[in-house]
Amino acid sequence: MTFSGTQFQLKVWEAILTIPKGEVRTYKEIAIQIGHPKAYRAVATACRKNPLPLQIPCHRVINSNGKIGDYLGEKESPKKIALLKTEGFKV
């Protein structure tokens, strides 16, 4: 899979590719995974700029408080909720 972005974005997207179907991670967990533990907001920005939302499943990344969060810039997106439900995640 070839796509372009900043080095940070590429790290985020690669980390997201490791999230199994039906599971989620928080923005903070992704930030820690890529070695930037305080960059959780930047992780959210990288998700919003995801050029391949179906191939890089940013819908599997949620807020630390358990709320669904945004999806491609849309607040509490019904699309994100639907995608998570189809993968068997209890929303």
PDB file of N, CA and C in Angstrom:
ATOM      1  N   MET A   1       0.860  -1.169   0.000  1.00  0.00           N
ATOM      2  CA  MET A   1       0.000   0.000   0.000  1.00  0.00           C
ATOM      3  C   MET A   1       0.908   1.234   0.000  1.00  0.00           C
ATOM      4  N   THR A   2       0.681   2.132  -0.945  1.00  0.00           N
ATOM      5  CA  THR A   2       1.489   3.334  -1.039  1.00  0.00           C
ATOM      6  C   THR A   2       0.606   4.559  -0.867  1.00  0.00           C
ATOM      7  N   PHE A   3       1.021   5.439   0.014  1.00  0.00           N
ATOM      8  CA  PHE A   3       0.324   6.691   0.234  1.00  0.00           C
ATOM      9  C   PHE A   3       1.341   7.675   0.778  1.00  0.00           C
ATOM     10  N   SER A   4       1.024   8.956   0.721  1.00  0.00           N
ATOM     11  CA  SER A   4       1.983   9.946   1.179  1.00  0.00           C
ATOM     12  C   SER A   4       1.408  10.763   2.318  1.00  0.00           C
ATOM     13  N   GLY A   5       2.310  11.220   3.169  1.00  0.00           N
ATOM     14  CA  GLY A   5       1.971  12.045   4.314  1.00  0.00           C
ATOM     15  C   GLY A   5       3.274  12.417   5.011  1.00  0.00           C
ATOM     16  N   THR A   6       3.165  13.147   6.094  1.00  0.00           N
ATOM     17  CA  THR A   6       4.362  13.474   6.857  1.00  0.00           C
ATOM     18  C   THR A   6       4.883  12.198   7.521  1.00  0.00           C
ATOM     19  N   GLN A   7       6.109  12.241   8.010  1.00  0.00           N
ATOM     20  CA  GLN A   7       6.665  11.077   8.718  1.00  0.00           C
ATOM     21  C   GLN A   7       5.785  10.709   9.906  1.00  0.00           C
ATOM     22  N   PHE A   8       5.308  11.720  10.625  1.00  0.00           N
ATOM     23  CA  PHE A   8       4.441  11.470  11.776  1.00  0.00           C
ATOM     24  C   PHE A   8       3.152  10.792  11.331  1.00  0.00           C
ATOM     25  N   GLN A   9       2.513  11.321  10.301  1.00  0.00           N
ATOM     26  CA  GLN A   9       1.269  10.739   9.811  1.00  0.00           C
ATOM     27  C   GLN A   9       1.475   9.281   9.386  1.00  0.00           C
ATOM     28  N   LEU A  10       2.568   9.018   8.697  1.00  0.00           N
ATOM     29  CA  LEU A  10       2.847   7.656   8.255  1.00  0.00           C
ATOM     30  C   LEU A  10       2.997   6.715   9.446  1.00  0.00           C
ATOM     31  N   LYS A  11       3.651   7.169  10.509  1.00  0.00           N
ATOM     32  CA  LYS A  11       3.776   6.351  11.724  1.00  0.00           C
ATOM     33  C   LYS A  11       2.406   6.064  12.327  1.00  0.00           C
ATOM     34  N   VAL A  12       1.573   7.088  12.381  1.00  0.00           N
ATOM     35  CA  VAL A  12       0.220   6.925  12.928  1.00  0.00           C
ATOM     36  C   VAL A  12      -0.554   5.919  12.092  1.00  0.00           C
ATOM     37  N   TRP A  13      -0.566   6.086  10.787  1.00  0.00           N
ATOM     38  CA  TRP A  13      -1.336   5.209   9.915  1.00  0.00           C
ATOM     39  C   TRP A  13      -0.829   3.770   9.978  1.00  0.00           C
ATOM     40  N   GLU A  14       0.485   3.601  10.072  1.00  0.00           N
ATOM     41  CA  GLU A  14       1.044   2.254  10.200  1.00  0.00           C
ATOM     42  C   GLU A  14       0.603   1.618  11.517  1.00  0.00           C
ATOM     43  N   ALA A  15       0.580   2.402  12.599  1.00  0.00           N
ATOM     44  CA  ALA A  15       0.136   1.879  13.898  1.00  0.00           C
ATOM     45  C   ALA A  15      -1.334   1.482  13.835  1.00  0.00           C
ATOM     46  N   ILE A  16      -2.135   2.276  13.165  1.00  0.00           N
ATOM     47  CA  ILE A  16      -3.560   1.985  13.055  1.00  0.00           C
ATOM     48  C   ILE A  16      -3.799   0.688  12.288  1.00  0.00           C
ATOM     49  N   LEU A  17      -2.946   0.406  11.328  1.00  0.00           N
ATOM     50  CA  LEU A  17      -3.077  -0.832  10.562  1.00  0.00           C
ATOM     51  C   LEU A  17      -2.898  -2.077  11.429  1.00  0.00           C
ATOM     52  N   THR A  18      -2.319  -1.926  12.617  1.00  0.00           N
ATOM     53  CA  THR A  18      -2.106  -3.075  13.510  1.00  0.00           C
ATOM     54  C   THR A  18      -3.311  -3.352  14.416  1.00  0.00           C
ATOM     55  N   ILE A  19      -4.316  -2.492  14.397  1.00  0.00           N
ATOM     56  CA  ILE A  19      -5.495  -2.689  15.254  1.00  0.00           C
ATOM     57  C   ILE A  19      -6.384  -3.751  14.611  1.00  0.00           C
ATOM     58  N   PRO A  20      -6.600  -4.867  15.316  1.00  0.00           N
ATOM     59  CA  PRO A  20      -7.449  -5.925  14.745  1.00  0.00           C
ATOM     60  C   PRO A  20      -8.904  -5.480  14.585  1.00  0.00           C
ATOM     61  N   LYS A  21      -9.564  -6.061  13.618  1.00  0.00           N
ATOM     62  CA  LYS A  21     -10.988  -5.821  13.381  1.00  0.00           C
ATOM     63  C   LYS A  21     -11.765  -6.148  14.653  1.00  0.00           C
ATOM     64  N   GLY A  22     -12.676  -5.261  15.027  1.00  0.00           N
ATOM     65  CA  GLY A  22     -13.484  -5.469  16.220  1.00  0.00           C
ATOM     66  C   GLY A  22     -12.864  -4.921  17.491  1.00  0.00           C
ATOM     67  N   GLU A  23     -11.651  -4.371  17.388  1.00  0.00           N
ATOM     68  CA  GLU A  23     -10.985  -3.767  18.539  1.00  0.00           C
ATOM     69  C   GLU A  23     -10.762  -2.283  18.280  1.00  0.00           C
ATOM     70  N   VAL A  24     -10.536  -1.547  19.345  1.00  0.00           N
ATOM     71  CA  VAL A  24     -10.221  -0.123  19.231  1.00  0.00           C
ATOM     72  C   VAL A  24      -8.981   0.187  20.059  1.00  0.00           C
ATOM     73  N   ARG A  25      -8.393   1.326  19.764  1.00  0.00           N
ATOM     74  CA  ARG A  25      -7.312   1.902  20.549  1.00  0.00           C
ATOM     75  C   ARG A  25      -7.661   3.371  20.739  1.00  0.00           C
ATOM     76  N   THR A  26      -7.069   3.986  21.747  1.00  0.00           N
ATOM     77  CA  THR A  26      -7.292   5.417  21.941  1.00  0.00           C
ATOM     78  C   THR A  26      -6.225   6.202  21.189  1.00  0.00           C
ATOM     79  N   TYR A  27      -6.533   7.476  20.980  1.00  0.00           N
ATOM     80  CA  TYR A  27      -5.549   8.351  20.349  1.00  0.00           C
ATOM     81  C   TYR A  27      -4.268   8.354  21.178  1.00  0.00           C
ATOM     82  N   LYS A  28      -4.412   8.341  22.492  1.00  0.00           N
ATOM     83  CA  LYS A  28      -3.248   8.338  23.377  1.00  0.00           C
ATOM     84  C   LYS A  28      -2.454   7.036  23.244  1.00  0.00           C
ATOM     85  N   GLU A  29      -3.140   5.910  23.149  1.00  0.00           N
ATOM     86  CA  GLU A  29      -2.439   4.635  22.983  1.00  0.00           C
ATOM     87  C   GLU A  29      -1.628   4.615  21.684  1.00  0.00           C
ATOM     88  N   ILE A  30      -2.190   5.176  20.629  1.00  0.00           N
ATOM     89  CA  ILE A  30      -1.462   5.247  19.357  1.00  0.00           C
ATOM     90  C   ILE A  30      -0.252   6.171  19.517  1.00  0.00           C
ATOM     91  N   ALA A  31      -0.442   7.303  20.187  1.00  0.00           N
ATOM     92  CA  ALA A  31       0.670   8.232  20.415  1.00  0.00           C
ATOM     93  C   ALA A  31       1.810   7.536  21.171  1.00  0.00           C
ATOM     94  N   ILE A  32       1.461   6.776  22.189  1.00  0.00           N
ATOM     95  CA  ILE A  32       2.475   6.038  22.955  1.00  0.00           C
ATOM     96  C   ILE A  32       3.142   4.991  22.072  1.00  0.00           C
ATOM     97  N   GLN A  33       2.347   4.269  21.294  1.00  0.00           N
ATOM     98  CA  GLN A  33       2.866   3.213  20.424  1.00  0.00           C
ATOM     99  C   GLN A  33       3.917   3.739  19.448  1.00  0.00           C
ATOM    100  N   ILE A  34       3.719   4.957  18.952  1.00  0.00           N
ATOM    101  CA  ILE A  34       4.666   5.494  17.961  1.00  0.00           C
ATOM    102  C   ILE A  34       5.784   6.317  18.602  1.00  0.00           C
ATOM    103  N   GLY A  35       5.812   6.342  19.934  1.00  0.00           N
ATOM    104  CA  GLY A  35       6.909   7.019  20.615  1.00  0.00           C
ATOM    105  C   GLY A  35       6.735   8.499  20.859  1.00  0.00           C
ATOM    106  N   HIS A  36       5.497   8.982  20.772  1.00  0.00           N
ATOM    107  CA  HIS A  36       5.185  10.391  21.019  1.00  0.00           C
ATOM    108  C   HIS A  36       4.017  10.475  22.004  1.00  0.00           C
ATOM    109  N   PRO A  37       4.249  10.107  23.269  1.00  0.00           N
ATOM    110  CA  PRO A  37       3.155   9.935  24.227  1.00  0.00           C
ATOM    111  C   PRO A  37       2.269  11.149  24.484  1.00  0.00           C
ATOM    112  N   LYS A  38       2.741  12.327  24.196  1.00  0.00           N
ATOM    113  CA  LYS A  38       1.922  13.527  24.431  1.00  0.00           C
ATOM    114  C   LYS A  38       1.271  14.064  23.162  1.00  0.00           C
ATOM    115  N   ALA A  39       1.448  13.349  22.065  1.00  0.00           N
ATOM    116  CA  ALA A  39       0.975  13.846  20.767  1.00  0.00           C
ATOM    117  C   ALA A  39      -0.377  13.263  20.364  1.00  0.00           C
ATOM    118  N   TYR A  40      -1.241  13.004  21.341  1.00  0.00           N
ATOM    119  CA  TYR A  40      -2.527  12.383  21.007  1.00  0.00           C
ATOM    120  C   TYR A  40      -3.407  13.269  20.139  1.00  0.00           C
ATOM    121  N   ARG A  41      -3.312  14.583  20.297  1.00  0.00           N
ATOM    122  CA  ARG A  41      -4.102  15.469  19.421  1.00  0.00           C
ATOM    123  C   ARG A  41      -3.577  15.424  17.986  1.00  0.00           C
ATOM    124  N   ALA A  42      -2.268  15.316  17.858  1.00  0.00           N
ATOM    125  CA  ALA A  42      -1.676  15.189  16.523  1.00  0.00           C
ATOM    126  C   ALA A  42      -2.076  13.857  15.883  1.00  0.00           C
ATOM    127  N   VAL A  43      -2.238  12.825  16.703  1.00  0.00           N
ATOM    128  CA  VAL A  43      -2.730  11.540  16.194  1.00  0.00           C
ATOM    129  C   VAL A  43      -4.135  11.729  15.628  1.00  0.00           C
ATOM    130  N   ALA A  44      -4.977  12.460  16.343  1.00  0.00           N
ATOM    131  CA  ALA A  44      -6.336  12.731  15.862  1.00  0.00           C
ATOM    132  C   ALA A  44      -6.301  13.498  14.538  1.00  0.00           C
ATOM    133  N   THR A  45      -5.387  14.444  14.425  1.00  0.00           N
ATOM    134  CA  THR A  45      -5.246  15.204  13.183  1.00  0.00           C
ATOM    135  C   THR A  45      -4.806  14.289  12.049  1.00  0.00           C
ATOM    136  N   ALA A  46      -3.877  13.387  12.327  1.00  0.00           N
ATOM    137  CA  ALA A  46      -3.428  12.441  11.303  1.00  0.00           C
ATOM    138  C   ALA A  46      -4.596  11.563  10.846  1.00  0.00           C
ATOM    139  N   CYS A  47      -5.439  11.162  11.784  1.00  0.00           N
ATOM    140  CA  CYS A  47      -6.628  10.375  11.425  1.00  0.00           C
ATOM    141  C   CYS A  47      -7.542  11.167  10.505  1.00  0.00           C
ATOM    142  N   ARG A  48      -7.740  12.433  10.831  1.00  0.00           N
ATOM    143  CA  ARG A  48      -8.619  13.280  10.016  1.00  0.00           C
ATOM    144  C   ARG A  48      -8.069  13.426   8.597  1.00  0.00           C
ATOM    145  N   LYS A  49      -6.747  13.376   8.442  1.00  0.00           N
ATOM    146  CA  LYS A  49      -6.118  13.550   7.125  1.00  0.00           C
ATOM    147  C   LYS A  49      -5.852  12.227   6.413  1.00  0.00           C
ATOM    148  N   ASN A  50      -6.378  11.155   6.947  1.00  0.00           N
ATOM    149  CA  ASN A  50      -6.200   9.821   6.375  1.00  0.00           C
ATOM    150  C   ASN A  50      -6.685   9.804   4.923  1.00  0.00           C
ATOM    151  N   PRO A  51      -5.779   9.505   3.968  1.00  0.00           N
ATOM    152  CA  PRO A  51      -6.178   9.511   2.560  1.00  0.00           C
ATOM    153  C   PRO A  51      -6.932   8.250   2.127  1.00  0.00           C
ATOM    154  N   LEU A  52      -6.870   7.200   2.943  1.00  0.00           N
ATOM    155  CA  LEU A  52      -7.490   5.925   2.590  1.00  0.00           C
ATOM    156  C   LEU A  52      -8.304   5.393   3.776  1.00  0.00           C
ATOM    157  N   PRO A  53      -9.432   6.027   4.092  1.00  0.00           N
ATOM    158  CA  PRO A  53     -10.154   5.683   5.319  1.00  0.00           C
ATOM    159  C   PRO A  53     -10.648   4.247   5.412  1.00  0.00           C
ATOM    160  N   LEU A  54     -10.898   3.577   4.314  1.00  0.00           N
ATOM    161  CA  LEU A  54     -11.341   2.189   4.408  1.00  0.00           C
ATOM    162  C   LEU A  54     -10.154   1.233   4.550  1.00  0.00           C
ATOM    163  N   GLN A  55      -9.030   1.582   3.966  1.00  0.00           N
ATOM    164  CA  GLN A  55      -7.845   0.734   4.072  1.00  0.00           C
ATOM    165  C   GLN A  55      -7.079   0.970   5.374  1.00  0.00           C
ATOM    166  N   ILE A  56      -7.036   2.212   5.830  1.00  0.00           N
ATOM    167  CA  ILE A  56      -6.398   2.563   7.105  1.00  0.00           C
ATOM    168  C   ILE A  56      -7.553   2.863   8.059  1.00  0.00           C
ATOM    169  N   PRO A  57      -7.910   1.907   8.906  1.00  0.00           N
ATOM    170  CA  PRO A  57      -9.157   1.989   9.675  1.00  0.00           C
ATOM    171  C   PRO A  57      -9.121   2.938  10.875  1.00  0.00           C
ATOM    172  N   CYS A  58      -9.076   4.235  10.590  1.00  0.00           N
ATOM    173  CA  CYS A  58      -9.057   5.244  11.660  1.00  0.00           C
ATOM    174  C   CYS A  58     -10.324   5.209  12.509  1.00  0.00           C
ATOM    175  N   HIS A  59     -11.368   4.577  12.000  1.00  0.00           N
ATOM    176  CA  HIS A  59     -12.594   4.466  12.802  1.00  0.00           C
ATOM    177  C   HIS A  59     -12.360   3.624  14.047  1.00  0.00           C
ATOM    178  N   ARG A  60     -11.258   2.883  14.095  1.00  0.00           N
ATOM    179  CA  ARG A  60     -10.929   2.047  15.252  1.00  0.00           C
ATOM    180  C   ARG A  60     -10.200   2.818  16.349  1.00  0.00           C
ATOM    181  N   VAL A  61     -10.048   4.125  16.172  1.00  0.00           N
ATOM    182  CA  VAL A  61      -9.373   4.956  17.175  1.00  0.00           C
ATOM    183  C   VAL A  61     -10.420   5.840  17.843  1.00  0.00           C
ATOM    184  N   ILE A  62     -10.461   5.773  19.186  1.00  0.00           N
ATOM    185  CA  ILE A  62     -11.473   6.505  19.948  1.00  0.00           C
ATOM    186  C   ILE A  62     -10.811   7.362  21.021  1.00  0.00           C
ATOM    187  N   ASN A  63     -11.619   8.171  21.689  1.00  0.00           N
ATOM    188  CA  ASN A  63     -11.138   9.018  22.779  1.00  0.00           C
ATOM    189  C   ASN A  63     -10.815   8.182  24.016  1.00  0.00           C
ATOM    190  N   SER A  64      -9.936   8.685  24.861  1.00  0.00           N
ATOM    191  CA  SER A  64      -9.563   7.999  26.105  1.00  0.00           C
ATOM    192  C   SER A  64     -10.737   7.857  27.059  1.00  0.00           C
ATOM    193  N   ASN A  65     -11.711   8.748  26.957  1.00  0.00           N
ATOM    194  CA  ASN A  65     -12.875   8.688  27.850  1.00  0.00           C
ATOM    195  C   ASN A  65     -13.939   7.697  27.369  1.00  0.00           C
ATOM    196  N   GLY A  66     -13.626   6.970  26.299  1.00  0.00           N
ATOM    197  CA  GLY A  66     -14.546   5.969  25.775  1.00  0.00           C
ATOM    198  C   GLY A  66     -15.516   6.486  24.736  1.00  0.00           C
ATOM    199  N   LYS A  67     -15.559   7.802  24.536  1.00  0.00           N
ATOM    200  CA  LYS A  67     -16.449   8.361  23.513  1.00  0.00           C
ATOM    201  C   LYS A  67     -15.870   8.056  22.134  1.00  0.00           C
ATOM    202  N   ILE A  68     -16.747   8.003  21.175  1.00  0.00           N
ATOM    203  CA  ILE A  68     -16.376   7.620  19.818  1.00  0.00           C
ATOM    204  C   ILE A  68     -15.414   8.611  19.170  1.00  0.00           C
ATOM    205  N   GLY A  69     -15.632   9.890  19.370  1.00  0.00           N
ATOM    206  CA  GLY A  69     -14.772  10.895  18.755  1.00  0.00           C
ATOM    207  C   GLY A  69     -15.166  11.172  17.317  1.00  0.00           C
ATOM    208  N   ASP A  70     -14.338  11.917  16.637  1.00  0.00           N
ATOM    209  CA  ASP A  70     -14.613  12.331  15.272  1.00  0.00           C
ATOM    210  C   ASP A  70     -14.229  11.233  14.279  1.00  0.00           C
ATOM    211  N   TYR A  71     -14.739  11.382  13.074  1.00  0.00           N
ATOM    212  CA  TYR A  71     -14.344  10.498  11.977  1.00  0.00           C
ATOM    213  C   TYR A  71     -14.268  11.338  10.724  1.00  0.00           C
ATOM    214  N   LEU A  72     -13.057  11.490  10.211  1.00  0.00           N
ATOM    215  CA  LEU A  72     -12.801  12.298   9.020  1.00  0.00           C
ATOM    216  C   LEU A  72     -13.375  13.707   9.158  1.00  0.00           C
ATOM    217  N   GLY A  73     -13.239  14.273  10.361  1.00  0.00           N
ATOM    218  CA  GLY A  73     -13.665  15.629  10.623  1.00  0.00           C
ATOM    219  C   GLY A  73     -15.108  15.783  11.050  1.00  0.00           C
ATOM    220  N   GLU A  74     -15.859  14.700  11.126  1.00  0.00           N
ATOM    221  CA  GLU A  74     -17.274  14.749  11.496  1.00  0.00           C
ATOM    222  C   GLU A  74     -17.436  14.335  12.962  1.00  0.00           C
ATOM    223  N   LYS A  75     -18.042  15.177  13.764  1.00  0.00           N
ATOM    224  CA  LYS A  75     -18.243  14.922  15.193  1.00  0.00           C
ATOM    225  C   LYS A  75     -19.183  13.740  15.427  1.00  0.00           C
ATOM    226  N   GLU A  76     -18.781  12.849  16.342  1.00  0.00           N
ATOM    227  CA  GLU A  76     -19.605  11.685  16.727  1.00  0.00           C
ATOM    228  C   GLU A  76     -20.304  11.086  15.502  1.00  0.00           C
ATOM    229  N   SER A  77     -19.523  10.794  14.521  1.00  0.00           N
ATOM    230  CA  SER A  77     -20.003  10.388  13.211  1.00  0.00           C
ATOM    231  C   SER A  77     -20.831   9.103  13.208  1.00  0.00           C
ATOM    232  N   PRO A  78     -22.021   9.156  12.626  1.00  0.00           N
ATOM    233  CA  PRO A  78     -22.809   7.935  12.458  1.00  0.00           C
ATOM    234  C   PRO A  78     -22.076   6.903  11.595  1.00  0.00           C
ATOM    235  N   LYS A  79     -21.248   7.377  10.639  1.00  0.00           N
ATOM    236  CA  LYS A  79     -20.470   6.464   9.790  1.00  0.00           C
ATOM    237  C   LYS A  79     -19.491   5.668  10.642  1.00  0.00           C
ATOM    238  N   LYS A  80     -18.810   6.352  11.570  1.00  0.00           N
ATOM    239  CA  LYS A  80     -17.840   5.692  12.435  1.00  0.00           C
ATOM    240  C   LYS A  80     -18.535   4.667  13.316  1.00  0.00           C
ATOM    241  N   ILE A  81     -19.654   5.039  13.877  1.00  0.00           N
ATOM    242  CA  ILE A  81     -20.429   4.134  14.726  1.00  0.00           C
ATOM    243  C   ILE A  81     -20.856   2.904  13.926  1.00  0.00           C
ATOM    244  N   ALA A  82     -21.341   3.119  12.714  1.00  0.00           N
ATOM    245  CA  ALA A  82     -21.782   2.004  11.861  1.00  0.00           C
ATOM    246  C   ALA A  82     -20.620   1.077  11.523  1.00  0.00           C
ATOM    247  N   LEU A  83     -19.472   1.642  11.194  1.00  0.00           N
ATOM    248  CA  LEU A  83     -18.299   0.819  10.874  1.00  0.00           C
ATOM    249  C   LEU A  83     -17.885  -0.029  12.067  1.00  0.00           C
ATOM    250  N   LEU A  84     -17.851   0.578  13.243  1.00  0.00           N
ATOM    251  CA  LEU A  84     -17.477  -0.166  14.456  1.00  0.00           C
ATOM    252  C   LEU A  84     -18.478  -1.293  14.734  1.00  0.00           C
ATOM    253  N   LYS A  85     -19.747  -0.994  14.570  1.00  0.00           N
ATOM    254  CA  LYS A  85     -20.780  -2.011  14.814  1.00  0.00           C
ATOM    255  C   LYS A  85     -20.652  -3.173  13.829  1.00  0.00           C
ATOM    256  N   THR A  86     -20.385  -2.878  12.567  1.00  0.00           N
ATOM    257  CA  THR A  86     -20.254  -3.960  11.584  1.00  0.00           C
ATOM    258  C   THR A  86     -19.058  -4.853  11.886  1.00  0.00           C
ATOM    259  N   GLU A  87     -18.075  -4.309  12.605  1.00  0.00           N
ATOM    260  CA  GLU A  87     -16.906  -5.111  12.981  1.00  0.00           C
ATOM    261  C   GLU A  87     -17.099  -5.828  14.306  1.00  0.00           C
ATOM    262  N   GLY A  88     -18.268  -5.655  14.920  1.00  0.00           N
ATOM    263  CA  GLY A  88     -18.566  -6.359  16.156  1.00  0.00           C
ATOM    264  C   GLY A  88     -18.193  -5.636  17.424  1.00  0.00           C
ATOM    265  N   PHE A  89     -17.798  -4.364  17.321  1.00  0.00           N
ATOM    266  CA  PHE A  89     -17.471  -3.583  18.513  1.00  0.00           C
ATOM    267  C   PHE A  89     -18.754  -3.042  19.125  1.00  0.00           C
ATOM    268  N   LYS A  90     -18.907  -3.198  20.419  1.00  0.00           N
ATOM    269  CA  LYS A  90     -20.099  -2.705  21.119  1.00  0.00           C
ATOM    270  C   LYS A  90     -19.994  -1.204  21.327  1.00  0.00           C
ATOM    271  N   VAL A  91     -20.857  -0.455  20.646  1.00  0.00           N
ATOM    272  CA  VAL A  91     -20.842   1.013  20.736  1.00  0.00           C
ATOM    273  C   VAL A  91     -21.892   1.444  21.727  1.00  0.00           C
TER     274      VAL A  91
END
